[in-house]
Protein backbone atom coordinates (compact mmCIF):
# COMPACT_ATOMS: atom_id res chain seq x y z
CA MET A 1 -12.52 -39.28 10.25
CA THR A 2 -14.13 -36.96 12.50
CA THR A 3 -11.97 -33.80 13.44
CA PRO A 4 -10.83 -34.01 16.79
CA VAL A 5 -12.85 -32.24 20.06
CA ASP A 6 -9.25 -30.17 20.76
CA PHE A 7 -9.07 -28.83 18.00
CA ASP A 8 -6.58 -25.71 17.30
CA LEU A 9 -8.83 -24.06 14.07
CA THR A 10 -5.61 -21.55 13.90
CA ALA A 11 -2.57 -23.10 14.64
CA PHE A 12 -4.76 -25.92 11.20
CA ALA A 13 -5.17 -22.46 8.96
CA HIS A 14 -1.26 -21.16 9.05
CA GLY A 15 0.15 -24.93 8.48
CA LEU A 16 -2.27 -26.18 6.21
CA PRO A 17 -0.16 -25.87 2.83
CA LYS A 18 -1.14 -23.02 -0.02
CA ALA A 19 -0.78 -20.41 -2.76
CA GLU A 20 -1.26 -17.48 -2.43
CA LEU A 21 -2.88 -16.20 -6.00
CA HIS A 22 -3.55 -12.10 -4.76
CA LEU A 23 -0.93 -10.27 -3.16
CA HIS A 24 -0.35 -6.52 -3.68
CA LEU A 25 3.47 -6.54 -2.86
CA GLU A 26 3.50 -3.09 -2.90
CA GLY A 27 0.52 -3.78 -0.25
CA THR A 28 3.18 -5.30 2.91
CA LEU A 29 5.29 -2.16 3.05
CA GLU A 30 4.46 -2.38 6.80
CA PRO A 31 5.25 0.58 9.03
CA GLU A 32 8.31 -0.38 10.19
CA LEU A 33 10.19 -1.35 6.67
CA LYS A 34 8.35 1.86 5.70
CA PHE A 35 10.55 4.09 8.29
CA ALA A 36 13.72 1.87 7.44
CA LEU A 37 14.02 2.47 3.51
CA ALA A 38 12.59 6.56 4.27
CA ALA A 39 15.21 7.06 6.45
CA ARG A 40 17.48 5.02 3.98
CA ASN A 41 17.16 6.67 0.45
CA GLY A 42 16.55 9.94 3.10
CA ILE A 43 13.27 11.06 2.97
CA GLU A 44 11.75 13.18 5.54
CA LEU A 45 7.83 11.10 5.59
CA PRO A 46 4.75 13.47 8.05
CA GLU A 47 4.29 10.37 10.66
CA LYS A 48 6.77 10.24 13.03
CA THR A 49 6.37 6.86 14.34
CA VAL A 50 4.46 3.76 13.56
CA GLU A 51 1.52 4.31 15.44
CA GLU A 52 0.87 7.45 13.46
CA VAL A 53 1.06 5.50 10.38
CA ARG A 54 -1.03 2.95 11.58
CA ALA A 55 -3.31 5.54 12.13
CA THR A 56 -4.44 6.51 8.51
CA TYR A 57 -5.16 3.60 7.68
CA ASP A 58 -8.87 4.24 7.55
CA PHE A 59 -10.95 3.05 5.03
CA THR A 60 -13.86 4.10 3.52
CA ASP A 61 -14.06 2.47 0.03
CA LEU A 62 -11.05 1.41 -3.01
CA THR A 63 -10.26 5.79 -3.13
CA SER A 64 -9.66 6.20 -0.09
CA PHE A 65 -7.84 2.98 0.39
CA LEU A 66 -5.85 4.17 -2.39
CA ALA A 67 -4.48 7.47 -0.99
CA VAL A 68 -3.39 6.70 1.14
CA TYR A 69 -0.98 3.30 -0.55
CA TYR A 70 -0.29 5.65 -3.06
CA PRO A 71 2.20 7.95 -1.67
CA ALA A 72 3.52 5.41 0.54
CA MET A 73 5.39 3.61 -2.17
CA ARG A 74 7.76 7.02 -2.44
CA VAL A 75 9.72 5.75 0.12
CA LEU A 76 10.70 3.24 -2.72
CA GLN A 77 13.01 3.76 -5.65
CA THR A 78 16.40 1.38 -6.20
CA ALA A 79 16.29 -2.38 -6.97
CA GLU A 80 18.02 -2.73 -2.45
CA ASP A 81 14.46 -1.30 -1.37
CA PHE A 82 12.09 -3.48 -4.10
CA HIS A 83 14.14 -6.59 -2.52
CA ASP A 84 13.65 -5.82 1.22
CA LEU A 85 10.22 -5.51 0.23
CA ALA A 86 9.33 -8.14 -1.67
CA TRP A 87 11.59 -10.87 0.92
CA ALA A 88 9.97 -9.76 4.15
CA TYR A 89 6.60 -10.13 2.56
CA LEU A 90 8.01 -13.62 1.59
CA LEU A 91 9.97 -14.64 5.17
CA LYS A 92 5.73 -14.12 6.43
CA ALA A 93 4.39 -16.06 3.64
CA LYS A 94 6.47 -18.57 4.64
CA GLU A 95 4.89 -18.56 8.10
CA GLN A 96 0.84 -18.15 6.85
CA GLY A 97 2.35 -21.63 5.16
CA VAL A 98 2.28 -20.83 1.46
CA VAL A 99 4.36 -23.15 -0.40
CA HIS A 100 3.57 -21.07 -4.09
CA ALA A 101 3.12 -17.31 -4.29
CA GLU A 102 1.72 -15.87 -7.12
CA MET A 103 2.86 -11.02 -7.09
CA PHE A 104 1.16 -8.57 -7.91
CA PHE A 105 3.44 -5.99 -8.51
CA ASP A 106 2.97 -2.90 -10.19
CA PRO A 107 5.60 -0.70 -12.02
CA GLN A 108 3.20 1.67 -12.94
CA ALA A 109 3.31 3.05 -9.76
CA HIS A 110 6.79 3.38 -9.64
CA THR A 111 8.31 4.93 -13.40
CA SER A 112 5.30 7.27 -12.99
CA ARG A 113 7.61 9.10 -10.98
CA GLY A 114 10.28 8.28 -12.25
CA VAL A 115 11.50 5.18 -11.31
CA PRO A 116 13.53 2.45 -13.84
CA PHE A 117 11.52 -0.21 -14.70
CA GLU A 118 14.92 -2.11 -14.64
CA ASN A 119 14.85 -0.48 -10.40
CA VAL A 120 11.58 -2.32 -9.81
CA ILE A 121 11.32 -6.29 -11.66
CA THR A 122 15.46 -7.10 -10.45
CA GLY A 123 15.27 -5.68 -7.14
CA TYR A 124 11.31 -8.55 -7.18
CA ARG A 125 12.86 -10.95 -9.11
CA ARG A 126 15.89 -11.75 -6.77
CA ALA A 127 13.54 -11.57 -3.89
CA ALA A 128 11.35 -14.79 -5.71
CA VAL A 129 14.65 -16.67 -6.17
CA ARG A 130 16.02 -16.71 -3.03
CA ALA A 131 12.35 -17.33 -1.81
CA GLN A 132 13.47 -21.17 -4.06
CA ASP A 133 16.92 -21.20 -2.89
CA GLU A 134 16.41 -19.77 1.22
CA LEU A 135 12.61 -20.78 2.53
CA GLY A 136 11.42 -23.49 -0.01
CA ILE A 137 8.69 -21.07 -1.31
CA SER A 138 7.75 -21.04 -4.99
CA ALA A 139 7.20 -17.76 -5.89
CA GLU A 140 6.38 -16.08 -9.73
CA LEU A 141 5.17 -12.08 -10.51
CA ILE A 142 2.59 -10.95 -12.34
CA LEU A 143 2.80 -7.46 -14.47
CA CYS A 144 -0.54 -5.11 -13.30
CA PHE A 145 -1.65 -2.46 -15.23
CA LEU A 146 -2.62 0.87 -12.60
CA ARG A 147 -6.24 1.10 -15.48
CA ASP A 148 -6.63 4.28 -14.05
CA PHE A 149 -3.45 5.08 -16.51
CA SER A 150 -4.21 5.46 -19.61
CA ALA A 151 -4.39 2.97 -22.06
CA GLU A 152 -1.25 3.54 -24.22
CA TYR A 153 0.45 3.44 -20.96
CA ALA A 154 -0.59 -0.09 -19.92
CA MET A 155 0.98 -0.97 -23.83
CA ALA A 156 4.62 1.09 -23.55
CA THR A 157 5.14 -0.72 -19.18
CA LEU A 158 3.91 -3.85 -21.56
CA MET A 159 6.34 -3.16 -23.88
CA GLU A 160 9.05 -2.25 -21.62
CA ALA A 161 8.15 -5.16 -20.11
CA LEU A 162 8.76 -7.49 -22.95
CA PRO A 163 12.65 -7.66 -22.47
CA TYR A 164 12.26 -9.35 -18.92
CA LYS A 165 9.27 -11.53 -20.17
CA ALA A 166 10.93 -14.70 -18.83
CA TRP A 167 11.24 -13.56 -15.74
CA ILE A 168 6.92 -12.67 -15.47
CA LEU A 169 4.37 -15.57 -14.85
CA GLY A 170 0.82 -13.17 -15.88
CA VAL A 171 -0.66 -9.59 -16.81
CA GLY A 172 -3.26 -8.05 -14.87
CA LEU A 173 -4.98 -5.72 -14.07
CA ASP A 174 -6.26 -3.05 -10.63
CA SER A 175 -6.53 0.38 -9.03
CA ASP A 176 -9.96 1.61 -8.94
CA GLU A 177 -12.20 0.68 -11.98
CA ARG A 178 -14.61 3.82 -12.02
CA ASP A 179 -15.32 4.28 -14.71
CA ASN A 180 -11.37 2.79 -16.10
CA PRO A 181 -14.14 -0.93 -16.93
CA PRO A 182 -11.70 -4.05 -18.69
CA THR A 183 -12.62 -3.02 -22.78
CA LYS A 184 -10.26 -0.28 -22.10
CA PHE A 185 -6.78 -2.58 -21.96
CA ALA A 186 -8.39 -4.80 -24.35
CA ALA A 187 -5.91 -4.27 -26.62
CA VAL A 188 -3.25 -4.82 -24.40
CA PHE A 189 -4.34 -7.94 -22.75
CA ALA A 190 -5.53 -9.50 -26.08
CA ARG A 191 -1.53 -8.55 -26.99
CA ALA A 192 -0.27 -9.92 -24.00
CA LYS A 193 -1.65 -13.50 -24.13
CA ALA A 194 -0.42 -13.10 -27.70
CA GLU A 195 2.80 -13.22 -25.48
CA GLY A 196 2.69 -15.51 -23.86
CA PHE A 197 1.24 -14.88 -20.07
CA PHE A 198 -1.85 -15.32 -18.55
CA LEU A 199 -4.90 -12.98 -18.13
CA THR A 200 -6.22 -11.93 -14.60
CA MET A 201 -8.33 -9.14 -14.28
CA HIS A 202 -8.77 -6.60 -10.62
CA CYS A 203 -13.50 -7.04 -10.43
CA ASP A 204 -13.58 -5.10 -7.09
CA ILE A 205 -16.89 -6.13 -4.65
CA ASP A 206 -19.10 -3.68 -5.56
CA GLN A 207 -18.60 -1.22 -7.92
CA VAL A 208 -20.79 0.52 -10.67
CA GLY A 209 -21.28 -1.77 -13.60
CA SER A 210 -19.77 -4.39 -11.32
CA ILE A 211 -21.87 -7.02 -12.95
CA ASP A 212 -20.50 -5.68 -15.99
CA ASN A 213 -16.71 -6.05 -16.06
CA ILE A 214 -17.24 -9.46 -14.82
CA ARG A 215 -19.36 -10.45 -17.95
CA ALA A 216 -16.37 -8.25 -20.50
CA VAL A 217 -13.93 -10.56 -18.64
CA LEU A 218 -15.56 -13.67 -18.61
CA GLU A 219 -16.42 -12.73 -22.17
CA ASP A 220 -14.72 -10.40 -24.16
CA ILE A 221 -11.19 -10.67 -22.50
CA GLY A 222 -10.95 -14.78 -21.95
CA VAL A 223 -8.80 -13.66 -18.82
CA ASP A 224 -7.73 -17.76 -17.29
CA ARG A 225 -9.00 -16.16 -13.35
CA ILE A 226 -10.86 -12.85 -12.13
CA ASP A 227 -9.65 -11.17 -8.47
CA HIS A 228 -12.47 -10.74 -6.16
CA GLY A 229 -15.65 -11.22 -8.53
CA THR A 230 -17.87 -12.41 -5.81
CA ASN A 231 -20.73 -9.83 -7.37
CA ILE A 232 -21.23 -12.61 -9.40
CA VAL A 233 -23.43 -14.36 -7.44
CA GLU A 234 -25.82 -11.29 -9.43
CA ASP A 235 -26.35 -13.42 -12.34
CA PRO A 236 -26.70 -17.39 -12.74
CA ALA A 237 -26.19 -17.50 -15.86
CA LEU A 238 -21.77 -16.56 -14.99
CA VAL A 239 -21.97 -18.48 -12.14
CA ALA A 240 -22.79 -21.31 -14.33
CA LEU A 241 -19.70 -20.05 -16.74
CA ALA A 242 -17.43 -19.78 -14.48
CA LYS A 243 -17.60 -23.38 -12.33
CA GLU A 244 -18.04 -24.61 -16.33
CA ARG A 245 -14.54 -23.36 -16.96
CA GLY A 246 -13.56 -24.04 -13.37
CA LEU A 247 -12.01 -20.21 -13.61
CA GLY A 248 -9.75 -19.30 -10.48
CA PHE A 249 -11.67 -16.31 -7.84
CA THR A 250 -8.71 -14.72 -5.60
CA THR A 251 -10.80 -13.67 -3.33
CA CYS A 252 -10.39 -11.71 0.35
CA PRO A 253 -12.25 -11.58 3.38
CA VAL A 254 -10.75 -9.17 5.49
CA SER A 255 -9.54 -6.42 2.97
CA ASN A 256 -13.05 -6.64 1.60
CA SER A 257 -14.45 -5.42 6.19
CA PHE A 258 -12.03 -2.74 4.79
CA VAL A 259 -14.27 -1.53 2.40
CA THR A 260 -17.45 -2.46 2.91
CA GLU A 261 -19.95 -3.31 5.87
CA GLN A 262 -18.94 -7.29 5.59
CA MET A 263 -16.11 -9.51 4.40
CA LYS A 264 -18.43 -11.50 1.14
CA ALA A 265 -18.49 -13.75 3.38
CA ASP A 266 -22.20 -15.67 2.54
CA GLU A 267 -20.63 -14.61 -1.43
CA ILE A 268 -17.35 -17.02 -0.36
CA VAL A 269 -18.69 -19.38 0.80
CA GLY A 270 -21.92 -20.00 -0.88
CA LEU A 271 -19.75 -20.07 -3.91
CA LEU A 272 -17.55 -21.92 -2.35
CA ARG A 273 -20.66 -24.22 -1.69
CA GLU A 274 -22.05 -24.58 -4.62
CA GLY A 275 -18.56 -25.91 -6.12
CA VAL A 276 -16.73 -22.98 -7.91
CA ARG A 277 -13.21 -22.64 -7.60
CA VAL A 278 -12.53 -18.99 -4.38
CA MET A 279 -9.45 -19.81 -2.81
CA VAL A 280 -8.49 -16.44 0.22
CA ASN A 281 -5.80 -14.28 -0.36
CA SER A 282 -4.55 -10.97 2.20
CA ASP A 283 -4.23 -8.15 -0.84
CA ASP A 284 -2.33 -5.79 1.61
CA PRO A 285 -1.39 -7.38 3.86
CA ALA A 286 -0.20 -3.98 5.58
CA TYR A 287 -2.88 -2.26 5.65
CA PHE A 288 -4.88 -4.33 6.43
CA GLY A 289 -3.33 -6.31 9.23
CA ALA A 290 -4.18 -10.42 8.20
CA TYR A 291 -1.82 -12.50 6.20
CA VAL A 292 -3.56 -15.56 3.74
CA GLY A 293 -3.65 -17.94 6.98
CA ASP A 294 -4.75 -15.39 9.83
CA ASN A 295 -7.60 -15.00 6.42
CA TYR A 296 -7.91 -18.33 6.39
CA VAL A 297 -9.41 -18.22 9.87
CA ALA A 298 -11.42 -14.84 9.32
CA LEU A 299 -13.16 -16.54 6.96
CA ALA A 300 -13.90 -19.25 8.56
CA GLU A 301 -14.24 -17.36 12.04
CA GLN A 302 -17.61 -15.20 10.20
CA ALA A 303 -18.74 -18.37 8.52
CA GLY A 304 -18.65 -21.14 10.19
CA LEU A 305 -16.48 -23.12 7.51
CA THR A 306 -15.90 -26.59 8.47
CA PRO A 307 -11.46 -27.63 8.39
CA THR A 308 -11.96 -29.96 5.55
CA GLU A 309 -13.21 -26.37 3.14
CA LEU A 310 -11.11 -24.32 5.18
CA VAL A 311 -8.88 -27.69 3.02
CA GLN A 312 -11.37 -27.50 -0.43
CA LEU A 313 -10.34 -23.08 -0.27
CA ALA A 314 -5.81 -24.53 -0.07
CA VAL A 315 -6.43 -27.12 -2.74
CA ASN A 316 -8.98 -24.73 -4.08
CA SER A 317 -6.11 -22.15 -4.43
CA PHE A 318 -3.08 -24.63 -6.67
CA GLU A 319 -5.95 -25.31 -8.84
CA ALA A 320 -6.87 -21.80 -9.91
CA ALA A 321 -2.58 -21.18 -9.19
CA TRP A 322 -1.07 -20.96 -12.78
CA LEU A 323 1.01 -25.27 -11.91
CA THR A 324 2.16 -27.67 -14.24
CA PRO A 325 0.05 -30.40 -13.96
CA ALA A 326 2.68 -31.85 -11.33
CA ARG A 327 3.64 -29.64 -9.65
CA ARG A 328 -0.42 -28.65 -9.00
CA ALA A 329 -0.45 -32.63 -8.35
CA ALA A 330 2.49 -32.51 -5.62
CA TYR A 331 1.27 -29.18 -3.83
CA ILE A 332 -2.59 -31.22 -3.72
CA ALA A 333 -0.19 -34.07 -2.13
CA ALA A 334 1.24 -32.27 0.52
CA ILE A 335 -2.37 -31.29 0.87
CA GLU A 336 -3.56 -34.02 1.73
CA GLU A 337 -0.57 -35.71 3.53
CA TYR A 338 -1.81 -32.75 6.06
CA ALA A 339 -4.96 -32.51 7.17
CA THR A 340 -5.03 -36.05 7.39
CA ALA A 341 -2.40 -35.98 9.49
CA GLN A 342 -4.79 -33.38 11.31
CA GLY A 343 -7.41 -35.59 11.48
CA VAL A 344 -9.02 -33.23 9.41
CA PRO A 345 -12.03 -35.38 6.84
CA LEU A 346 -11.00 -34.39 2.88
CA PRO A 347 -13.79 -32.70 0.73
CA ALA A 348 -15.07 -34.45 -1.74
CA GLN A 349 -12.39 -35.51 -4.60
CA GLY A 350 -14.76 -34.74 -8.24
CA VAL A 351 -13.90 -33.74 -12.01
CA ARG A 352 -11.22 -31.95 -11.94
CA LEU A 353 -11.03 -29.69 -15.34
CA PRO A 354 -7.23 -30.05 -16.97
CA ALA A 355 -4.95 -27.40 -16.43
């Protein structure tokens, strides 16, 4: 079977059933919603138009991005605000082919400015439940700790989250990686694992000590997947270990292109073709201007990916998702049905590791 000559890559990529596993809910705050929430909560913004807001999105590295990212969150105050933010993302996710989302949220970015944890979690949870009922999207939450705060604050946040344990699938680690290695939070993640949470950590691209942080995450912390993490190509032995474990890498091509000279397409595609479980996600789409389907298209155009390789990326997203084997199999069957109906050859089926 060959792909049709008049094949529409963009339409195929957007319609392809996919899981999104690297998505910061706070990073989906579009300017229009930012203005609406500011008006609701009586907050005056320095920017007066959508164009002025977007003009501030001039990022050269992770630090310059975070300097814009965190101040924007002050418009988020009530449970209704957090619901509206998540719901707006989920509506867009539906248009981008997402059928399962495991969404990051940063409670410390809100509790540190006086917003109750309850407001954050109940608002997000209501949107997640609504997504299943109204959109047919399975939506889960991953609590991320901010690595530029103390480990003690992270542990306190974990304790505050335990009454809502049934609503939280796993824990992660994000924000500024400089001088904040994974080992700083080893005790927090050990406790989270003991509580039954899945574990993931950001290993951002091209950070000082990136490969050492990846090694620590793999060998010492024992995470279930890695966010970003493409610097692993610097150590073939670690690549082999990740492949052996079936570890997922939640790569974000478009956001990469904002904080480095290119989207790390060579690394992502190299790992994909080597059989490592990489997948494509959107990260902070309101700031980088591309949701997950858009990221599939951008990577395909940059790297010359075939439609079959896009199918493999989607399969990988479910292989790395924290799902039961039966649900995973059902989602992958839906991908295969979709690809076949579009005349796209399926990837060669390798041996799948146990869930």
